[in-house]
Each structure stands twice: as structure tokens, then as C-alpha cells.
């Protein structure tokens, strides 16, 4: 009598998480974490519906708030 082996646990999908040029991980699922301006908490929200689950205020996307880089060594 032999025991049947159970299938191995599924491997975590690493293809969903990609690394940006800045070295931060971004998810392709459309979810981001940011600070809510209404209740001042960090929340995880959807890119399609960026509302805070606590106070329902709109959470700005971190990619929309990036400041442009200024090259101080550029010649005019």
C-alpha cells in the first residue's frame, strides 16, 4: 500500500510585481498605497476608484504627484 502524494503548494506569482526605475515595486493589479488627505491615514486603494475606505475622499495617485526633475547643469 502506497500513499498518494498531495500536489505541491502553488508558487507565489512574482510576475504580478514589477520594479520601477526608482527601485520601488509596483503591482500590475491596479492597486496603490498613498496618504489620504482627509483622514491622514495610509490607505491601499484601486487606481480605478481612488477613494479612501474610511472617509470616502479621493486619494491622489503617487504617480500624479511626482515632481519633475530639474537638471541644474543644463546649458541654456
PDB file of N, CA and C in Angstrom:
ATOM      1  N   UNK A   1       0.844  -1.171   0.000  1.00  0.00           N
ATOM      2  CA  UNK A   1       0.000   0.000   0.000  1.00  0.00           C
ATOM      3  C   UNK A   1       0.894   1.240   0.000  1.00  0.00           C
ATOM      4  N   UNK A   2       0.694   2.110  -0.966  1.00  0.00           N
ATOM      5  CA  UNK A   2       1.493   3.328  -1.051  1.00  0.00           C
ATOM      6  C   UNK A   2       0.595   4.534  -0.831  1.00  0.00           C
ATOM      7  N   UNK A   3       1.185   5.562  -0.260  1.00  0.00           N
ATOM      8  CA  UNK A   3       0.433   6.796  -0.016  1.00  0.00           C
ATOM      9  C   UNK A   3       0.493   7.666  -1.257  1.00  0.00           C
ATOM     10  N   UNK A   4      -0.601   8.306  -1.557  1.00  0.00           N
ATOM     11  CA  UNK A   4      -0.612   9.251  -2.662  1.00  0.00           C
ATOM     12  C   UNK A   4      -0.066  10.582  -2.164  1.00  0.00           C
ATOM     13  N   UNK A   5       0.745  11.165  -2.979  1.00  0.00           N
ATOM     14  CA  UNK A   5       1.322  12.462  -2.618  1.00  0.00           C
ATOM     15  C   UNK A   5       0.345  13.570  -2.974  1.00  0.00           C
ATOM     16  N   UNK A   6       0.288  14.524  -2.110  1.00  0.00           N
ATOM     17  CA  UNK A   6      -0.544  15.685  -2.409  1.00  0.00           C
ATOM     18  C   UNK A   6       0.221  16.601  -3.356  1.00  0.00           C
ATOM     19  N   UNK A   7      -0.470  17.339  -4.170  1.00  0.00           N
ATOM     20  CA  UNK A   7       0.233  18.233  -5.098  1.00  0.00           C
ATOM     21  C   UNK A   7       0.987  19.305  -4.321  1.00  0.00           C
ATOM     22  N   UNK A   8       2.116  19.767  -4.861  1.00  0.00           N
ATOM     23  CA  UNK A   8       2.882  20.803  -4.164  1.00  0.00           C
ATOM     24  C   UNK A   8       2.094  22.102  -4.099  1.00  0.00           C
ATOM     25  N   UNK A   9       2.346  22.919  -3.092  1.00  0.00           N
ATOM     26  CA  UNK A   9       1.631  24.195  -2.989  1.00  0.00           C
ATOM     27  C   UNK A   9       1.989  25.081  -4.174  1.00  0.00           C
ATOM     28  N   UNK A  10       1.054  25.897  -4.626  1.00  0.00           N
ATOM     29  CA  UNK A  10       1.340  26.760  -5.780  1.00  0.00           C
ATOM     30  C   UNK A  10       2.415  27.775  -5.433  1.00  0.00           C
ATOM     31  N   UNK A  11       3.241  28.056  -6.416  1.00  0.00           N
ATOM     32  CA  UNK A  11       4.306  29.043  -6.232  1.00  0.00           C
ATOM     33  C   UNK A  11       3.699  30.439  -6.233  1.00  0.00           C
ATOM     34  N   UNK A  12       4.233  31.355  -5.414  1.00  0.00           N
ATOM     35  CA  UNK A  12       3.728  32.732  -5.454  1.00  0.00           C
ATOM     36  C   UNK A  12       4.033  33.342  -6.812  1.00  0.00           C
ATOM     37  N   UNK A  13       3.065  34.051  -7.319  1.00  0.00           N
ATOM     38  CA  UNK A  13       3.247  34.639  -8.639  1.00  0.00           C
ATOM     39  C   UNK A  13       4.075  35.904  -8.519  1.00  0.00           C
ATOM     40  N   UNK A  14       5.272  35.840  -9.044  1.00  0.00           N
ATOM     41  CA  UNK A  14       6.149  37.003  -8.998  1.00  0.00           C
ATOM     42  C   UNK A  14       5.995  37.866 -10.229  1.00  0.00           C
ATOM     43  N   UNK A  15       5.213  37.401 -11.208  1.00  0.00           N
ATOM     44  CA  UNK A  15       5.038  38.190 -12.422  1.00  0.00           C
ATOM     45  C   UNK A  15       4.112  39.379 -12.198  1.00  0.00           C
ATOM     46  N   UNK A  16       3.313  39.377 -11.122  1.00  0.00           N
ATOM     47  CA  UNK A  16       2.409  40.490 -10.856  1.00  0.00           C
ATOM     48  C   UNK A  16       3.132  41.717 -10.326  1.00  0.00           C
ATOM     49  N   UNK A  17       4.278  41.529  -9.700  1.00  0.00           N
ATOM     50  CA  UNK A  17       5.004  42.645  -9.113  1.00  0.00           C
ATOM     51  C   UNK A  17       6.197  42.972  -9.988  1.00  0.00           C
ATOM     52  N   UNK A  18       6.268  44.220 -10.416  1.00  0.00           N
ATOM     53  CA  UNK A  18       7.359  44.672 -11.264  1.00  0.00           C
ATOM     54  C   UNK A  18       8.080  45.801 -10.557  1.00  0.00           C
ATOM     55  N   UNK A  19       9.354  45.985 -10.896  1.00  0.00           N
ATOM     56  CA  UNK A  19      10.137  47.022 -10.245  1.00  0.00           C
ATOM     57  C   UNK A  19      10.265  48.224 -11.168  1.00  0.00           C
ATOM     58  N   UNK A  20      10.004  49.401 -10.630  1.00  0.00           N
ATOM     59  CA  UNK A  20      10.121  50.635 -11.396  1.00  0.00           C
ATOM     60  C   UNK A  20      11.583  51.017 -11.573  1.00  0.00           C
ATOM     61  N   UNK A  21      11.808  52.100 -12.313  1.00  0.00           N
ATOM     62  CA  UNK A  21      13.175  52.608 -12.459  1.00  0.00           C
ATOM     63  C   UNK A  21      13.721  53.121 -11.130  1.00  0.00           C
ATOM     64  N   UNK A  22      12.840  53.578 -10.264  1.00  0.00           N
ATOM     65  CA  UNK A  22      13.271  54.106  -8.971  1.00  0.00           C
ATOM     66  C   UNK A  22      13.591  53.010  -7.972  1.00  0.00           C
ATOM     67  N   UNK A  23      13.303  51.755  -8.306  1.00  0.00           N
ATOM     68  CA  UNK A  23      13.569  50.655  -7.394  1.00  0.00           C
ATOM     69  C   UNK A  23      12.393  50.293  -6.523  1.00  0.00           C
ATOM     70  N   UNK A  24      11.258  50.943  -6.732  1.00  0.00           N
ATOM     71  CA  UNK A  24      10.082  50.617  -5.945  1.00  0.00           C
ATOM     72  C   UNK A  24       9.256  49.590  -6.698  1.00  0.00           C
ATOM     73  N   UNK A  25       8.598  48.738  -5.967  1.00  0.00           N
ATOM     74  CA  UNK A  25       7.784  47.694  -6.582  1.00  0.00           C
ATOM     75  C   UNK A  25       6.407  48.239  -6.895  1.00  0.00           C
ATOM     76  N   UNK A  26       5.934  47.948  -8.068  1.00  0.00           N
ATOM     77  CA  UNK A  26       4.579  48.343  -8.432  1.00  0.00           C
ATOM     78  C   UNK A  26       3.826  47.112  -8.883  1.00  0.00           C
ATOM     79  N   UNK A  27       2.585  47.104  -8.629  1.00  0.00           N
ATOM     80  CA  UNK A  27       1.760  45.945  -8.955  1.00  0.00           C
ATOM     81  C   UNK A  27       0.978  46.215 -10.226  1.00  0.00           C
ATOM     82  N   UNK A  28       0.823  45.196 -11.028  1.00  0.00           N
ATOM     83  CA  UNK A  28       0.060  45.349 -12.256  1.00  0.00           C
ATOM     84  C   UNK A  28      -1.429  45.141 -12.015  1.00  0.00           C
ATOM     85  N   UNK A  29      -1.839  44.972 -10.780  1.00  0.00           N
ATOM     86  CA  UNK A  29      -3.246  44.729 -10.487  1.00  0.00           C
ATOM     87  C   UNK A  29      -4.052  46.005 -10.361  1.00  0.00           C
ATOM     88  N   UNK A  30      -3.431  47.173 -10.389  1.00  0.00           N
ATOM     89  CA  UNK A  30      -4.169  48.420 -10.306  1.00  0.00           C
ATOM     90  C   UNK A  30      -4.413  48.891  -8.893  1.00  0.00           C
ATOM     91  N   UNK A  31      -3.562  48.495  -7.965  1.00  0.00           N
ATOM     92  CA  UNK A  31      -3.704  48.877  -6.562  1.00  0.00           C
ATOM     93  C   UNK A  31      -2.493  49.723  -6.173  1.00  0.00           C
ATOM     94  N   UNK A  32      -2.724  50.761  -5.377  1.00  0.00           N
ATOM     95  CA  UNK A  32      -1.607  51.569  -4.880  1.00  0.00           C
ATOM     96  C   UNK A  32      -1.877  52.006  -3.452  1.00  0.00           C
ATOM     97  N   UNK A  33      -0.818  52.353  -2.759  1.00  0.00           N
ATOM     98  CA  UNK A  33      -0.914  52.843  -1.382  1.00  0.00           C
ATOM     99  C   UNK A  33      -0.498  54.311  -1.368  1.00  0.00           C
ATOM    100  N   UNK A  34      -1.262  55.118  -0.665  1.00  0.00           N
ATOM    101  CA  UNK A  34      -0.968  56.542  -0.580  1.00  0.00           C
ATOM    102  C   UNK A  34      -1.603  57.115   0.678  1.00  0.00           C
ATOM    103  N   UNK A  35      -1.222  58.344   0.992  1.00  0.00           N
ATOM    104  CA  UNK A  35      -1.773  59.027   2.158  1.00  0.00           C
ATOM    105  C   UNK A  35      -3.080  59.710   1.778  1.00  0.00           C
ATOM    106  N   UNK A  36      -4.085  59.519   2.606  1.00  0.00           N
ATOM    107  CA  UNK A  36      -5.385  60.151   2.389  1.00  0.00           C
ATOM    108  C   UNK A  36      -5.331  61.575   2.933  1.00  0.00           C
ATOM    109  N   UNK A  37      -5.711  62.567   2.128  1.00  0.00           N
ATOM    110  CA  UNK A  37      -5.688  63.947   2.626  1.00  0.00           C
ATOM    111  C   UNK A  37      -6.820  64.247   3.599  1.00  0.00           C
ATOM    112  N   UNK A  38      -7.850  63.435   3.620  1.00  0.00           N
ATOM    113  CA  UNK A  38      -8.994  63.683   4.503  1.00  0.00           C
ATOM    114  C   UNK A  38      -8.765  63.202   5.923  1.00  0.00           C
ATOM    115  N   UNK A  39      -8.364  61.927   6.066  1.00  0.00           N
ATOM    116  CA  UNK A  39      -8.207  61.369   7.416  1.00  0.00           C
ATOM    117  C   UNK A  39      -6.742  61.152   7.803  1.00  0.00           C
ATOM    118  N   UNK A  40      -5.820  61.506   6.907  1.00  0.00           N
ATOM    119  CA  UNK A  40      -4.374  61.443   7.161  1.00  0.00           C
ATOM    120  C   UNK A  40      -3.884  60.035   7.514  1.00  0.00           C
ATOM    121  N   UNK A  41      -4.471  59.028   6.864  1.00  0.00           N
ATOM    122  CA  UNK A  41      -4.040  57.645   7.038  1.00  0.00           C
ATOM    123  C   UNK A  41      -3.482  57.132   5.723  1.00  0.00           C
ATOM    124  N   UNK A  42      -2.573  56.170   5.820  1.00  0.00           N
ATOM    125  CA  UNK A  42      -2.132  55.476   4.616  1.00  0.00           C
ATOM    126  C   UNK A  42      -3.180  54.432   4.277  1.00  0.00           C
ATOM    127  N   UNK A  43      -3.628  54.441   3.031  1.00  0.00           N
ATOM    128  CA  UNK A  43      -4.657  53.506   2.591  1.00  0.00           C
ATOM    129  C   UNK A  43      -4.199  52.813   1.319  1.00  0.00           C
ATOM    130  N   UNK A  44      -4.712  51.612   1.110  1.00  0.00           N
ATOM    131  CA  UNK A  44      -4.492  50.881  -0.130  1.00  0.00           C
ATOM    132  C   UNK A  44      -5.795  50.958  -0.904  1.00  0.00           C
ATOM    133  N   UNK A  45      -5.731  51.499  -2.105  1.00  0.00           N
ATOM    134  CA  UNK A  45      -6.935  51.724  -2.886  1.00  0.00           C
ATOM    135  C   UNK A  45      -6.711  51.346  -4.338  1.00  0.00           C
ATOM    136  N   UNK A  46      -7.769  51.260  -5.099  1.00  0.00           N
ATOM    137  CA  UNK A  46      -7.699  50.901  -6.508  1.00  0.00           C
ATOM    138  C   UNK A  46      -7.400  52.130  -7.366  1.00  0.00           C
ATOM    139  N   UNK A  47      -6.710  51.904  -8.483  1.00  0.00           N
ATOM    140  CA  UNK A  47      -6.456  53.007  -9.404  1.00  0.00           C
ATOM    141  C   UNK A  47      -7.733  53.424 -10.123  1.00  0.00           C
ATOM    142  N   UNK A  48      -8.655  52.485 -10.304  1.00  0.00           N
ATOM    143  CA  UNK A  48      -9.905  52.811 -10.984  1.00  0.00           C
ATOM    144  C   UNK A  48     -10.886  53.540 -10.086  1.00  0.00           C
ATOM    145  N   UNK A  49     -10.772  53.367  -8.764  1.00  0.00           N
ATOM    146  CA  UNK A  49     -11.661  54.027  -7.810  1.00  0.00           C
ATOM    147  C   UNK A  49     -10.821  54.502  -6.624  1.00  0.00           C
ATOM    148  N   UNK A  50     -10.108  55.621  -6.767  1.00  0.00           N
ATOM    149  CA  UNK A  50      -9.175  56.047  -5.715  1.00  0.00           C
ATOM    150  C   UNK A  50      -9.836  56.769  -4.547  1.00  0.00           C
ATOM    151  N   UNK A  51     -10.742  56.088  -3.862  1.00  0.00           N
ATOM    152  CA  UNK A  51     -11.403  56.684  -2.701  1.00  0.00           C
ATOM    153  C   UNK A  51     -10.925  55.999  -1.434  1.00  0.00           C
ATOM    154  N   UNK A  52     -10.809  56.783  -0.377  1.00  0.00           N
ATOM    155  CA  UNK A  52     -10.410  56.266   0.927  1.00  0.00           C
ATOM    156  C   UNK A  52     -11.542  55.410   1.489  1.00  0.00           C
ATOM    157  N   UNK A  53     -11.240  54.206   1.980  1.00  0.00           N
ATOM    158  CA  UNK A  53     -12.301  53.380   2.547  1.00  0.00           C
ATOM    159  C   UNK A  53     -12.834  53.923   3.878  1.00  0.00           C
ATOM    160  N   UNK A  54     -12.086  54.787   4.549  1.00  0.00           N
ATOM    161  CA  UNK A  54     -12.528  55.325   5.831  1.00  0.00           C
ATOM    162  C   UNK A  54     -13.426  56.545   5.691  1.00  0.00           C
ATOM    163  N   UNK A  55     -12.989  57.512   4.867  1.00  0.00           N
ATOM    164  CA  UNK A  55     -13.724  58.777   4.802  1.00  0.00           C
ATOM    165  C   UNK A  55     -14.281  59.100   3.415  1.00  0.00           C
ATOM    166  N   UNK A  56     -14.067  58.234   2.428  1.00  0.00           N
ATOM    167  CA  UNK A  56     -14.562  58.381   1.053  1.00  0.00           C
ATOM    168  C   UNK A  56     -14.040  59.606   0.314  1.00  0.00           C
ATOM    169  N   UNK A  57     -12.925  60.193   0.759  1.00  0.00           N
ATOM    170  CA  UNK A  57     -12.334  61.291  -0.003  1.00  0.00           C
ATOM    171  C   UNK A  57     -11.426  60.710  -1.078  1.00  0.00           C
ATOM    172  N   UNK A  58     -11.189  61.472  -2.128  1.00  0.00           N
ATOM    173  CA  UNK A  58     -10.371  60.999  -3.244  1.00  0.00           C
ATOM    174  C   UNK A  58      -8.898  61.064  -2.847  1.00  0.00           C
ATOM    175  N   UNK A  59      -8.203  59.933  -3.027  1.00  0.00           N
ATOM    176  CA  UNK A  59      -6.783  59.821  -2.679  1.00  0.00           C
ATOM    177  C   UNK A  59      -5.970  60.071  -3.934  1.00  0.00           C
ATOM    178  N   UNK A  60      -5.056  61.044  -3.935  1.00  0.00           N
ATOM    179  CA  UNK A  60      -4.256  61.303  -5.136  1.00  0.00           C
ATOM    180  C   UNK A  60      -3.253  60.180  -5.379  1.00  0.00           C
ATOM    181  N   UNK A  61      -3.096  59.831  -6.634  1.00  0.00           N
ATOM    182  CA  UNK A  61      -2.157  58.779  -7.022  1.00  0.00           C
ATOM    183  C   UNK A  61      -0.730  59.269  -6.823  1.00  0.00           C
ATOM    184  N   UNK A  62       0.170  58.415  -6.324  1.00  0.00           N
ATOM    185  CA  UNK A  62       1.552  58.859  -6.130  1.00  0.00           C
ATOM    186  C   UNK A  62       2.250  59.187  -7.439  1.00  0.00           C
ATOM    187  N   UNK A  63       1.851  58.577  -8.551  1.00  0.00           N
ATOM    188  CA  UNK A  63       2.482  58.892  -9.829  1.00  0.00           C
ATOM    189  C   UNK A  63       2.062  60.266 -10.331  1.00  0.00           C
ATOM    190  N   UNK A  64       0.883  60.744  -9.929  1.00  0.00           N
ATOM    191  CA  UNK A  64       0.412  62.057 -10.349  1.00  0.00           C
ATOM    192  C   UNK A  64       1.089  63.173  -9.556  1.00  0.00           C
ATOM    193  N   UNK A  65       1.653  62.854  -8.398  1.00  0.00           N
ATOM    194  CA  UNK A  65       2.248  63.892  -7.562  1.00  0.00           C
ATOM    195  C   UNK A  65       3.770  63.953  -7.683  1.00  0.00           C
ATOM    196  N   UNK A  66       4.340  63.235  -8.650  1.00  0.00           N
ATOM    197  CA  UNK A  66       5.794  63.279  -8.813  1.00  0.00           C
ATOM    198  C   UNK A  66       6.216  64.646  -9.323  1.00  0.00           C
ATOM    199  N   UNK A  67       7.282  65.148  -8.760  1.00  0.00           N
ATOM    200  CA  UNK A  67       7.813  66.422  -9.195  1.00  0.00           C
ATOM    201  C   UNK A  67       8.755  66.186 -10.373  1.00  0.00           C
ATOM    202  N   UNK A  68       8.765  67.099 -11.337  1.00  0.00           N
ATOM    203  CA  UNK A  68       9.686  66.922 -12.467  1.00  0.00           C
ATOM    204  C   UNK A  68      11.127  67.136 -12.030  1.00  0.00           C
ATOM    205  N   UNK A  69      12.004  66.368 -12.622  1.00  0.00           N
ATOM    206  CA  UNK A  69      13.421  66.535 -12.308  1.00  0.00           C
ATOM    207  C   UNK A  69      13.979  67.726 -13.060  1.00  0.00           C
ATOM    208  N   UNK A  70      14.762  68.519 -12.376  1.00  0.00           N
ATOM    209  CA  UNK A  70      15.369  69.695 -12.969  1.00  0.00           C
ATOM    210  C   UNK A  70      16.866  69.466 -13.045  1.00  0.00           C
ATOM    211  N   UNK A  71      17.398  69.582 -14.248  1.00  0.00           N
ATOM    212  CA  UNK A  71      18.837  69.414 -14.434  1.00  0.00           C
ATOM    213  C   UNK A  71      19.500  70.778 -14.212  1.00  0.00           C
ATOM    214  N   UNK A  72      20.227  70.912 -13.109  1.00  0.00           N
ATOM    215  CA  UNK A  72      20.876  72.176 -12.784  1.00  0.00           C
ATOM    216  C   UNK A  72      22.126  72.429 -13.624  1.00  0.00           C
ATOM    217  N   UNK A  73      22.622  71.393 -14.280  1.00  0.00           N
ATOM    218  CA  UNK A  73      23.813  71.543 -15.103  1.00  0.00           C
ATOM    219  C   UNK A  73      23.490  71.753 -16.568  1.00  0.00           C
ATOM    220  N   UNK A  74      22.242  71.901 -16.916  1.00  0.00           N
ATOM    221  CA  UNK A  74      21.853  72.093 -18.314  1.00  0.00           C
ATOM    222  C   UNK A  74      22.238  73.498 -18.756  1.00  0.00           C
ATOM    223  N   UNK A  75      22.765  73.572 -19.973  1.00  0.00           N
ATOM    224  CA  UNK A  75      23.140  74.887 -20.505  1.00  0.00           C
ATOM    225  C   UNK A  75      21.979  75.453 -21.288  1.00  0.00           C
ATOM    226  N   UNK A  76      21.858  76.768 -21.257  1.00  0.00           N
ATOM    227  CA  UNK A  76      20.758  77.438 -21.966  1.00  0.00           C
ATOM    228  C   UNK A  76      21.128  77.800 -23.331  1.00  0.00           C
TER     229      UNK A  76
END
